[in-house]
Amino acid sequence: MYLAQLVSARTGIPQADAEKRVDDAIARVKAAEIKARQVADAARKAAAEFAIFTALALVIGAFIASAAAAYGGSLRDE
């Protein structure tokens, strides 16, 4: 592995130790990528739920406003 050879040459450690370091670093990067995807999925789901509840609240508010306007109009007409 080229990267392990570079690490071994620059640090002066044996090839096996350099390969272990490179493999550990790659494993940490992959674990961080998986964690980032999980966090992004959780944020996406939370944003979708927030959007649904906001839309529902707007619909309920519009219904209540129209009912109140109708009631106010009937009181005015009397």
PDB file of N, CA and C in Angstrom:
ATOM      1  N   MET A   1       0.849  -1.167   0.000  1.00  0.00           N
ATOM      2  CA  MET A   1       0.000   0.000   0.000  1.00  0.00           C
ATOM      3  C   MET A   1       0.902   1.240   0.000  1.00  0.00           C
ATOM      4  N   TYR A   2       0.669   2.097  -0.952  1.00  0.00           N
ATOM      5  CA  TYR A   2       1.535   3.253  -1.164  1.00  0.00           C
ATOM      6  C   TYR A   2       1.523   4.189   0.037  1.00  0.00           C
ATOM      7  N   LEU A   3       0.359   4.454   0.577  1.00  0.00           N
ATOM      8  CA  LEU A   3       0.255   5.381   1.698  1.00  0.00           C
ATOM      9  C   LEU A   3       1.004   4.847   2.916  1.00  0.00           C
ATOM     10  N   ALA A   4       0.899   3.557   3.163  1.00  0.00           N
ATOM     11  CA  ALA A   4       1.629   2.961   4.281  1.00  0.00           C
ATOM     12  C   ALA A   4       3.133   3.052   4.053  1.00  0.00           C
ATOM     13  N   GLN A   5       3.561   2.907   2.818  1.00  0.00           N
ATOM     14  CA  GLN A   5       4.990   3.039   2.508  1.00  0.00           C
ATOM     15  C   GLN A   5       5.473   4.459   2.776  1.00  0.00           C
ATOM     16  N   LEU A   6       4.647   5.444   2.411  1.00  0.00           N
ATOM     17  CA  LEU A   6       5.015   6.838   2.689  1.00  0.00           C
ATOM     18  C   LEU A   6       5.114   7.097   4.186  1.00  0.00           C
ATOM     19  N   VAL A   7       4.126   6.608   4.929  1.00  0.00           N
ATOM     20  CA  VAL A   7       4.131   6.807   6.382  1.00  0.00           C
ATOM     21  C   VAL A   7       5.365   6.146   6.978  1.00  0.00           C
ATOM     22  N   SER A   8       5.664   4.944   6.540  1.00  0.00           N
ATOM     23  CA  SER A   8       6.819   4.213   7.046  1.00  0.00           C
ATOM     24  C   SER A   8       8.115   4.951   6.725  1.00  0.00           C
ATOM     25  N   ALA A   9       8.218   5.462   5.518  1.00  0.00           N
ATOM     26  CA  ALA A   9       9.436   6.161   5.114  1.00  0.00           C
ATOM     27  C   ALA A   9       9.616   7.474   5.856  1.00  0.00           C
ATOM     28  N   ARG A  10       8.545   8.213   6.054  1.00  0.00           N
ATOM     29  CA  ARG A  10       8.657   9.535   6.680  1.00  0.00           C
ATOM     30  C   ARG A  10       8.780   9.468   8.194  1.00  0.00           C
ATOM     31  N   THR A  11       8.191   8.450   8.812  1.00  0.00           N
ATOM     32  CA  THR A  11       8.240   8.376  10.272  1.00  0.00           C
ATOM     33  C   THR A  11       9.307   7.426  10.774  1.00  0.00           C
ATOM     34  N   GLY A  12       9.757   6.524   9.927  1.00  0.00           N
ATOM     35  CA  GLY A  12      10.776   5.573  10.335  1.00  0.00           C
ATOM     36  C   GLY A  12      10.243   4.397  11.121  1.00  0.00           C
ATOM     37  N   ILE A  13       8.933   4.182  11.078  1.00  0.00           N
ATOM     38  CA  ILE A  13       8.353   3.041  11.785  1.00  0.00           C
ATOM     39  C   ILE A  13       8.283   1.858  10.829  1.00  0.00           C
ATOM     40  N   PRO A  14       8.165   0.653  11.365  1.00  0.00           N
ATOM     41  CA  PRO A  14       8.082  -0.523  10.486  1.00  0.00           C
ATOM     42  C   PRO A  14       6.843  -0.482   9.586  1.00  0.00           C
ATOM     43  N   GLN A  15       6.916  -1.174   8.461  1.00  0.00           N
ATOM     44  CA  GLN A  15       5.831  -1.199   7.472  1.00  0.00           C
ATOM     45  C   GLN A  15       4.521  -1.684   8.088  1.00  0.00           C
ATOM     46  N   ALA A  16       4.582  -2.708   8.935  1.00  0.00           N
ATOM     47  CA  ALA A  16       3.360  -3.258   9.543  1.00  0.00           C
ATOM     48  C   ALA A  16       2.671  -2.221  10.421  1.00  0.00           C
ATOM     49  N   ASP A  17       3.462  -1.484  11.214  1.00  0.00           N
ATOM     50  CA  ASP A  17       2.877  -0.435  12.060  1.00  0.00           C
ATOM     51  C   ASP A  17       2.294   0.696  11.212  1.00  0.00           C
ATOM     52  N   ALA A  18       2.956   1.021  10.132  1.00  0.00           N
ATOM     53  CA  ALA A  18       2.446   2.067   9.248  1.00  0.00           C
ATOM     54  C   ALA A  18       1.135   1.630   8.610  1.00  0.00           C
ATOM     55  N   GLU A  19       1.053   0.373   8.190  1.00  0.00           N
ATOM     56  CA  GLU A  19      -0.202  -0.125   7.616  1.00  0.00           C
ATOM     57  C   GLU A  19      -1.320  -0.088   8.643  1.00  0.00           C
ATOM     58  N   LYS A  20      -0.998  -0.426   9.903  1.00  0.00           N
ATOM     59  CA  LYS A  20      -2.023  -0.378  10.952  1.00  0.00           C
ATOM     60  C   LYS A  20      -2.501   1.058  11.171  1.00  0.00           C
ATOM     61  N   ARG A  21      -1.571   2.002  11.170  1.00  0.00           N
ATOM     62  CA  ARG A  21      -1.954   3.403  11.339  1.00  0.00           C
ATOM     63  C   ARG A  21      -2.858   3.871  10.194  1.00  0.00           C
ATOM     64  N   VAL A  22      -2.485   3.521   8.990  1.00  0.00           N
ATOM     65  CA  VAL A  22      -3.279   3.922   7.829  1.00  0.00           C
ATOM     66  C   VAL A  22      -4.664   3.273   7.893  1.00  0.00           C
ATOM     67  N   ASP A  23      -4.714   2.000   8.220  1.00  0.00           N
ATOM     68  CA  ASP A  23      -6.006   1.318   8.318  1.00  0.00           C
ATOM     69  C   ASP A  23      -6.878   1.920   9.414  1.00  0.00           C
ATOM     70  N   ASP A  24      -6.248   2.271  10.556  1.00  0.00           N
ATOM     71  CA  ASP A  24      -7.006   2.901  11.641  1.00  0.00           C
ATOM     72  C   ASP A  24      -7.548   4.266  11.217  1.00  0.00           C
ATOM     73  N   ALA A  25      -6.736   5.018  10.503  1.00  0.00           N
ATOM     74  CA  ALA A  25      -7.177   6.337  10.046  1.00  0.00           C
ATOM     75  C   ALA A  25      -8.334   6.209   9.056  1.00  0.00           C
ATOM     76  N   ILE A  26      -8.234   5.253   8.151  1.00  0.00           N
ATOM     77  CA  ILE A  26      -9.317   5.043   7.182  1.00  0.00           C
ATOM     78  C   ILE A  26     -10.587   4.592   7.894  1.00  0.00           C
ATOM     79  N   ALA A  27     -10.442   3.739   8.900  1.00  0.00           N
ATOM     80  CA  ALA A  27     -11.611   3.282   9.655  1.00  0.00           C
ATOM     81  C   ALA A  27     -12.272   4.449  10.398  1.00  0.00           C
ATOM     82  N   ARG A  28     -11.460   5.356  10.965  1.00  0.00           N
ATOM     83  CA  ARG A  28     -12.029   6.520  11.659  1.00  0.00           C
ATOM     84  C   ARG A  28     -12.778   7.430  10.686  1.00  0.00           C
ATOM     85  N   VAL A  29     -12.228   7.606   9.492  1.00  0.00           N
ATOM     86  CA  VAL A  29     -12.891   8.449   8.494  1.00  0.00           C
ATOM     87  C   VAL A  29     -14.220   7.830   8.074  1.00  0.00           C
ATOM     88  N   LYS A  30     -14.231   6.518   7.856  1.00  0.00           N
ATOM     89  CA  LYS A  30     -15.475   5.853   7.464  1.00  0.00           C
ATOM     90  C   LYS A  30     -16.507   5.916   8.583  1.00  0.00           C
ATOM     91  N   ALA A  31     -16.065   5.758   9.839  1.00  0.00           N
ATOM     92  CA  ALA A  31     -16.987   5.858  10.969  1.00  0.00           C
ATOM     93  C   ALA A  31     -17.561   7.264  11.077  1.00  0.00           C
ATOM     94  N   ALA A  32     -16.723   8.268  10.841  1.00  0.00           N
ATOM     95  CA  ALA A  32     -17.199   9.652  10.880  1.00  0.00           C
ATOM     96  C   ALA A  32     -18.197   9.917   9.762  1.00  0.00           C
ATOM     97  N   GLU A  33     -17.966   9.325   8.597  1.00  0.00           N
ATOM     98  CA  GLU A  33     -18.896   9.492   7.478  1.00  0.00           C
ATOM     99  C   GLU A  33     -20.248   8.866   7.803  1.00  0.00           C
ATOM    100  N   ILE A  34     -20.230   7.686   8.392  1.00  0.00           N
ATOM    101  CA  ILE A  34     -21.484   7.022   8.762  1.00  0.00           C
ATOM    102  C   ILE A  34     -22.233   7.850   9.800  1.00  0.00           C
ATOM    103  N   LYS A  35     -21.508   8.359  10.797  1.00  0.00           N
ATOM    104  CA  LYS A  35     -22.129   9.179  11.837  1.00  0.00           C
ATOM    105  C   LYS A  35     -22.724  10.453  11.230  1.00  0.00           C
ATOM    106  N   ALA A  36     -22.014  11.067  10.295  1.00  0.00           N
ATOM    107  CA  ALA A  36     -22.521  12.286   9.652  1.00  0.00           C
ATOM    108  C   ALA A  36     -23.783  11.994   8.861  1.00  0.00           C
ATOM    109  N   ARG A  37     -23.827  10.845   8.196  1.00  0.00           N
ATOM    110  CA  ARG A  37     -25.041  10.487   7.453  1.00  0.00           C
ATOM    111  C   ARG A  37     -26.215  10.248   8.398  1.00  0.00           C
ATOM    112  N   GLN A  38     -25.961   9.622   9.543  1.00  0.00           N
ATOM    113  CA  GLN A  38     -27.027   9.387  10.511  1.00  0.00           C
ATOM    114  C   GLN A  38     -27.559  10.706  11.062  1.00  0.00           C
ATOM    115  N   VAL A  39     -26.663  11.630  11.357  1.00  0.00           N
ATOM    116  CA  VAL A  39     -27.081  12.939  11.859  1.00  0.00           C
ATOM    117  C   VAL A  39     -27.866  13.696  10.788  1.00  0.00           C
ATOM    118  N   ALA A  40     -27.415  13.623   9.552  1.00  0.00           N
ATOM    119  CA  ALA A  40     -28.123  14.295   8.462  1.00  0.00           C
ATOM    120  C   ALA A  40     -29.512  13.691   8.257  1.00  0.00           C
ATOM    121  N   ASP A  41     -29.624  12.376   8.352  1.00  0.00           N
ATOM    122  CA  ASP A  41     -30.936  11.737   8.223  1.00  0.00           C
ATOM    123  C   ASP A  41     -31.871  12.162   9.351  1.00  0.00           C
ATOM    124  N   ALA A  42     -31.345  12.221  10.562  1.00  0.00           N
ATOM    125  CA  ALA A  42     -32.165  12.653  11.699  1.00  0.00           C
ATOM    126  C   ALA A  42     -32.621  14.096  11.514  1.00  0.00           C
ATOM    127  N   ALA A  43     -31.732  14.959  11.028  1.00  0.00           N
ATOM    128  CA  ALA A  43     -32.099  16.359  10.794  1.00  0.00           C
ATOM    129  C   ALA A  43     -33.139  16.471   9.685  1.00  0.00           C
ATOM    130  N   ARG A  44     -32.997  15.652   8.648  1.00  0.00           N
ATOM    131  CA  ARG A  44     -33.966  15.675   7.547  1.00  0.00           C
ATOM    132  C   ARG A  44     -35.343  15.245   8.044  1.00  0.00           C
ATOM    133  N   LYS A  45     -35.394  14.200   8.854  1.00  0.00           N
ATOM    134  CA  LYS A  45     -36.673  13.728   9.382  1.00  0.00           C
ATOM    135  C   LYS A  45     -37.310  14.766  10.296  1.00  0.00           C
ATOM    136  N   ALA A  46     -36.490  15.407  11.133  1.00  0.00           N
ATOM    137  CA  ALA A  46     -37.014  16.443  12.031  1.00  0.00           C
ATOM    138  C   ALA A  46     -37.551  17.630  11.239  1.00  0.00           C
ATOM    139  N   ALA A  47     -36.851  18.014  10.185  1.00  0.00           N
ATOM    140  CA  ALA A  47     -37.313  19.135   9.359  1.00  0.00           C
ATOM    141  C   ALA A  47     -38.617  18.790   8.647  1.00  0.00           C
ATOM    142  N   ALA A  48     -38.748  17.555   8.194  1.00  0.00           N
ATOM    143  CA  ALA A  48     -39.980  17.133   7.523  1.00  0.00           C
ATOM    144  C   ALA A  48     -41.151  17.150   8.505  1.00  0.00           C
ATOM    145  N   GLU A  49     -40.934  16.649   9.718  1.00  0.00           N
ATOM    146  CA  GLU A  49     -42.001  16.665  10.725  1.00  0.00           C
ATOM    147  C   GLU A  49     -42.392  18.097  11.070  1.00  0.00           C
ATOM    148  N   PHE A  50     -41.401  18.975  11.221  1.00  0.00           N
ATOM    149  CA  PHE A  50     -41.680  20.372  11.528  1.00  0.00           C
ATOM    150  C   PHE A  50     -42.498  21.014  10.417  1.00  0.00           C
ATOM    151  N   ALA A  51     -42.167  20.716   9.177  1.00  0.00           N
ATOM    152  CA  ALA A  51     -42.903  21.287   8.054  1.00  0.00           C
ATOM    153  C   ALA A  51     -44.349  20.796   8.037  1.00  0.00           C
ATOM    154  N   ILE A  52     -44.559  19.526   8.325  1.00  0.00           N
ATOM    155  CA  ILE A  52     -45.922  18.986   8.349  1.00  0.00           C
ATOM    156  C   ILE A  52     -46.732  19.632   9.458  1.00  0.00           C
ATOM    157  N   PHE A  53     -46.154  19.740  10.662  1.00  0.00           N
ATOM    158  CA  PHE A  53     -46.893  20.345  11.771  1.00  0.00           C
ATOM    159  C   PHE A  53     -47.164  21.820  11.535  1.00  0.00           C
ATOM    160  N   THR A  54     -46.228  22.513  10.896  1.00  0.00           N
ATOM    161  CA  THR A  54     -46.439  23.925  10.582  1.00  0.00           C
ATOM    162  C   THR A  54     -47.577  24.088   9.573  1.00  0.00           C
ATOM    163  N   ALA A  55     -47.594  23.251   8.549  1.00  0.00           N
ATOM    164  CA  ALA A  55     -48.674  23.322   7.564  1.00  0.00           C
ATOM    165  C   ALA A  55     -50.015  23.020   8.212  1.00  0.00           C
ATOM    166  N   LEU A  56     -50.040  22.031   9.077  1.00  0.00           N
ATOM    167  CA  LEU A  56     -51.282  21.679   9.783  1.00  0.00           C
ATOM    168  C   LEU A  56     -51.753  22.844  10.654  1.00  0.00           C
ATOM    169  N   ALA A  57     -50.845  23.491  11.349  1.00  0.00           N
ATOM    170  CA  ALA A  57     -51.205  24.639  12.178  1.00  0.00           C
ATOM    171  C   ALA A  57     -51.751  25.787  11.329  1.00  0.00           C
ATOM    172  N   LEU A  58     -51.166  25.996  10.153  1.00  0.00           N
ATOM    173  CA  LEU A  58     -51.663  27.052   9.270  1.00  0.00           C
ATOM    174  C   LEU A  58     -53.075  26.749   8.772  1.00  0.00           C
ATOM    175  N   VAL A  59     -53.335  25.496   8.447  1.00  0.00           N
ATOM    176  CA  VAL A  59     -54.672  25.118   7.984  1.00  0.00           C
ATOM    177  C   VAL A  59     -55.693  25.297   9.103  1.00  0.00           C
ATOM    178  N   ILE A  60     -55.338  24.866  10.306  1.00  0.00           N
ATOM    179  CA  ILE A  60     -56.258  25.027  11.442  1.00  0.00           C
ATOM    180  C   ILE A  60     -56.496  26.512  11.722  1.00  0.00           C
ATOM    181  N   GLY A  61     -55.427  27.315  11.668  1.00  0.00           N
ATOM    182  CA  GLY A  61     -55.566  28.752  11.892  1.00  0.00           C
ATOM    183  C   GLY A  61     -56.445  29.412  10.838  1.00  0.00           C
ATOM    184  N   ALA A  62     -56.300  28.997   9.589  1.00  0.00           N
ATOM    185  CA  ALA A  62     -57.131  29.560   8.525  1.00  0.00           C
ATOM    186  C   ALA A  62     -58.592  29.189   8.720  1.00  0.00           C
ATOM    187  N   PHE A  63     -58.851  27.950   9.145  1.00  0.00           N
ATOM    188  CA  PHE A  63     -60.233  27.536   9.393  1.00  0.00           C
ATOM    189  C   PHE A  63     -60.838  28.342  10.532  1.00  0.00           C
ATOM    190  N   ILE A  64     -60.103  28.500  11.616  1.00  0.00           N
ATOM    191  CA  ILE A  64     -60.623  29.256  12.759  1.00  0.00           C
ATOM    192  C   ILE A  64     -60.846  30.715  12.376  1.00  0.00           C
ATOM    193  N   ALA A  65     -59.934  31.284  11.584  1.00  0.00           N
ATOM    194  CA  ALA A  65     -60.101  32.679  11.161  1.00  0.00           C
ATOM    195  C   ALA A  65     -61.335  32.841  10.292  1.00  0.00           C
ATOM    196  N   SER A  66     -61.585  31.898   9.385  1.00  0.00           N
ATOM    197  CA  SER A  66     -62.769  32.022   8.531  1.00  0.00           C
ATOM    198  C   SER A  66     -64.048  31.821   9.340  1.00  0.00           C
ATOM    199  N   ALA A  67     -64.038  30.904  10.307  1.00  0.00           N
ATOM    200  CA  ALA A  67     -65.213  30.708  11.150  1.00  0.00           C
ATOM    201  C   ALA A  67     -65.483  31.944  12.003  1.00  0.00           C
ATOM    202  N   ALA A  68     -64.412  32.542  12.535  1.00  0.00           N
ATOM    203  CA  ALA A  68     -64.589  33.750  13.337  1.00  0.00           C
ATOM    204  C   ALA A  68     -65.079  34.912  12.478  1.00  0.00           C
ATOM    205  N   ALA A  69     -64.606  35.007  11.248  1.00  0.00           N
ATOM    206  CA  ALA A  69     -65.069  36.068  10.358  1.00  0.00           C
ATOM    207  C   ALA A  69     -66.545  35.882  10.021  1.00  0.00           C
ATOM    208  N   ALA A  70     -66.954  34.647   9.789  1.00  0.00           N
ATOM    209  CA  ALA A  70     -68.367  34.395   9.502  1.00  0.00           C
ATOM    210  C   ALA A  70     -69.231  34.739  10.701  1.00  0.00           C
ATOM    211  N   TYR A  71     -68.757  34.369  11.879  1.00  0.00           N
ATOM    212  CA  TYR A  71     -69.514  34.675  13.101  1.00  0.00           C
ATOM    213  C   TYR A  71     -69.572  36.183  13.324  1.00  0.00           C
ATOM    214  N   GLY A  72     -68.462  36.875  13.130  1.00  0.00           N
ATOM    215  CA  GLY A  72     -68.446  38.334  13.273  1.00  0.00           C
ATOM    216  C   GLY A  72     -69.336  39.015  12.254  1.00  0.00           C
ATOM    217  N   GLY A  73     -69.370  38.487  11.022  1.00  0.00           N
ATOM    218  CA  GLY A  73     -70.253  39.062  10.006  1.00  0.00           C
ATOM    219  C   GLY A  73     -71.704  38.886  10.365  1.00  0.00           C
ATOM    220  N   SER A  74     -72.057  37.747  10.944  1.00  0.00           N
ATOM    221  CA  SER A  74     -73.456  37.531  11.333  1.00  0.00           C
ATOM    222  C   SER A  74     -73.846  38.441  12.494  1.00  0.00           C
ATOM    223  N   LEU A  75     -72.912  38.700  13.406  1.00  0.00           N
ATOM    224  CA  LEU A  75     -73.207  39.620  14.504  1.00  0.00           C
ATOM    225  C   LEU A  75     -73.377  41.047  13.981  1.00  0.00           C
ATOM    226  N   ARG A  76     -72.583  41.418  12.997  1.00  0.00           N
ATOM    227  CA  ARG A  76     -72.666  42.761  12.421  1.00  0.00           C
ATOM    228  C   ARG A  76     -74.002  42.960  11.706  1.00  0.00           C
ATOM    229  N   ASP A  77     -74.470  41.905  11.027  1.00  0.00           N
ATOM    230  CA  ASP A  77     -75.688  42.020  10.236  1.00  0.00           C
ATOM    231  C   ASP A  77     -76.941  42.089  11.095  1.00  0.00           C
ATOM    232  N   GLU A  78     -76.873  41.670  12.340  1.00  0.00           N
ATOM    233  CA  GLU A  78     -78.061  41.689  13.193  1.00  0.00           C
ATOM    234  C   GLU A  78     -78.419  43.040  13.693  1.00  0.00           C
TER     235      GLU A  78
END
